[in-house]
C-alpha cells in the first residue's frame, strides 16, 4: 500500500532558503532509501515562511524504516536549528492510484479505470 505524506511547516522569514539549502543533501540521500518514490521540501512562492512537504512511500514498512533512521533524525535536527513552527503534516493510505488524464487526454476528477 502506498503512503503519502503531505503538509506544511513554517520557517522564519529570511531563514527558509538557508534551511532548505542546508537540507538539500538530506533530501537527495532520503530519495535513495528503499521504497522512497518521491521526497521533497519546497518553498511556497506566495509566502516568505511556508514550506510544503511531500513524500510518497511504497509501504508503511518503508516509511517506518525512514522515520527510525538517520536521515529523518538529521532532517529534524537541522531544521530545528531554524525554529520550525506551525507544522501540519499528515499521512494518507492510498487505496487506488490512476492517472489524472484519461486515454483521450481529458483531465478527470473521477476514478475511471475500475
Protein backbone atom coordinates (compact mmCIF):
# COMPACT_ATOMS: atom_id res chain seq x y z
CA UNK A 1 0.00 0.00 0.00
CA UNK A 2 1.32 3.42 -0.94
CA UNK A 3 1.64 6.03 1.81
CA UNK A 4 1.66 9.74 1.05
CA UNK A 5 2.91 12.42 3.42
CA UNK A 6 1.70 15.95 2.71
CA UNK A 7 1.60 19.16 4.63
CA UNK A 8 3.21 22.44 5.55
CA UNK A 9 5.54 23.94 8.08
CA UNK A 10 6.93 27.43 8.56
CA UNK A 11 10.48 28.67 8.94
CA UNK A 12 11.40 32.23 9.88
CA UNK A 13 11.38 34.72 7.01
CA UNK A 14 14.91 35.20 5.78
CA UNK A 15 16.00 31.77 7.08
CA UNK A 16 13.86 29.49 4.91
CA UNK A 17 16.14 29.44 1.86
CA UNK A 18 19.20 28.85 4.03
CA UNK A 19 17.48 25.97 5.84
CA UNK A 20 16.32 24.34 2.59
CA UNK A 21 19.79 24.67 1.10
CA UNK A 22 21.33 23.10 4.19
CA UNK A 23 18.95 20.13 4.00
CA UNK A 24 19.27 19.56 0.22
CA UNK A 25 21.79 16.73 0.64
CA UNK A 26 19.49 15.03 3.18
CA UNK A 27 16.61 15.25 0.71
CA UNK A 28 18.77 13.69 -2.02
CA UNK A 29 20.02 10.96 0.32
CA UNK A 30 16.50 10.16 1.53
CA UNK A 31 15.44 9.56 -2.07
CA UNK A 32 17.87 6.60 -2.16
CA UNK A 33 16.06 4.81 0.68
CA UNK A 34 14.12 1.65 -0.07
CA UNK A 35 10.54 2.48 -1.00
CA UNK A 36 11.02 6.23 -1.39
CA UNK A 37 9.33 7.22 -4.64
CA UNK A 38 9.15 10.98 -4.02
CA UNK A 39 10.57 13.20 -1.30
CA UNK A 40 10.60 16.98 -1.50
CA UNK A 41 10.53 20.01 0.76
CA UNK A 42 9.77 23.12 -1.27
CA UNK A 43 9.32 26.82 -0.61
CA UNK A 44 5.90 28.30 -1.29
CA UNK A 45 6.48 31.21 -3.69
CA UNK A 46 3.47 33.06 -2.24
CA UNK A 47 4.75 33.03 1.35
CA UNK A 48 8.04 34.11 2.92
CA UNK A 49 7.86 31.33 5.52
CA UNK A 50 5.79 28.36 4.28
CA UNK A 51 7.41 25.08 3.18
CA UNK A 52 5.48 22.26 1.55
CA UNK A 53 6.35 18.68 2.45
CA UNK A 54 5.53 15.88 0.00
CA UNK A 55 6.61 12.28 0.34
CA UNK A 56 5.50 9.10 -1.43
CA UNK A 57 6.47 5.77 0.14
CA UNK A 58 5.87 2.30 -1.30
CA UNK A 59 4.73 0.89 2.05
CA UNK A 60 4.14 1.56 5.72
CA UNK A 61 7.23 -0.52 6.45
CA UNK A 62 9.40 1.67 4.21
CA UNK A 63 8.08 4.82 5.88
CA UNK A 64 8.68 3.26 9.31
CA UNK A 65 12.29 2.49 8.39
CA UNK A 66 12.74 6.10 7.24
CA UNK A 67 11.24 7.52 10.44
CA UNK A 68 13.51 5.31 12.55
CA UNK A 69 16.63 6.16 10.55
CA UNK A 70 19.36 8.74 10.49
CA UNK A 71 18.11 10.78 7.51
CA UNK A 72 14.90 11.65 9.36
CA UNK A 73 16.74 12.40 12.61
CA UNK A 74 19.26 14.58 10.78
CA UNK A 75 16.47 16.47 9.00
CA UNK A 76 14.74 17.18 12.32
CA UNK A 77 17.98 18.33 13.93
CA UNK A 78 18.95 20.58 11.02
CA UNK A 79 15.55 22.22 10.64
CA UNK A 80 15.23 22.50 14.42
CA UNK A 81 18.12 24.99 14.41
CA UNK A 82 15.94 27.36 12.39
CA UNK A 83 12.83 27.37 14.57
CA UNK A 84 10.16 25.40 12.72
CA UNK A 85 6.60 26.50 13.59
CA UNK A 86 3.02 25.75 12.59
CA UNK A 87 3.67 22.21 11.42
CA UNK A 88 0.68 20.49 9.81
CA UNK A 89 1.81 17.27 8.14
CA UNK A 90 -0.43 14.24 7.59
CA UNK A 91 -0.09 10.73 6.21
CA UNK A 92 -2.53 9.10 3.80
CA UNK A 93 -3.13 5.47 2.83
CA UNK A 94 -3.68 5.22 -0.92
CA UNK A 95 -6.28 2.64 -1.93
CA UNK A 96 -6.31 3.42 -5.66
CA UNK A 97 -3.98 5.27 -7.99
CA UNK A 98 -4.64 6.18 -11.59
CA UNK A 99 -3.70 8.96 -14.00
CA UNK A 100 -5.46 12.32 -13.97
CA UNK A 101 -5.78 12.19 -17.77
CA UNK A 102 -7.88 9.52 -19.46
CA UNK A 103 -6.81 7.78 -22.69
CA UNK A 104 -8.24 10.68 -24.73
CA UNK A 105 -6.13 13.21 -22.78
CA UNK A 106 -9.07 14.64 -20.84
CA UNK A 107 -8.41 15.55 -17.16
CA UNK A 108 -10.77 13.63 -14.90
CA UNK A 109 -11.67 14.08 -11.23
CA UNK A 110 -13.50 10.75 -11.08
CA UNK A 111 -11.79 7.36 -10.93
CA UNK A 112 -12.38 5.82 -14.31
CA UNK A 113 -10.27 2.66 -14.56
CA UNK A 114 -12.50 0.44 -12.43
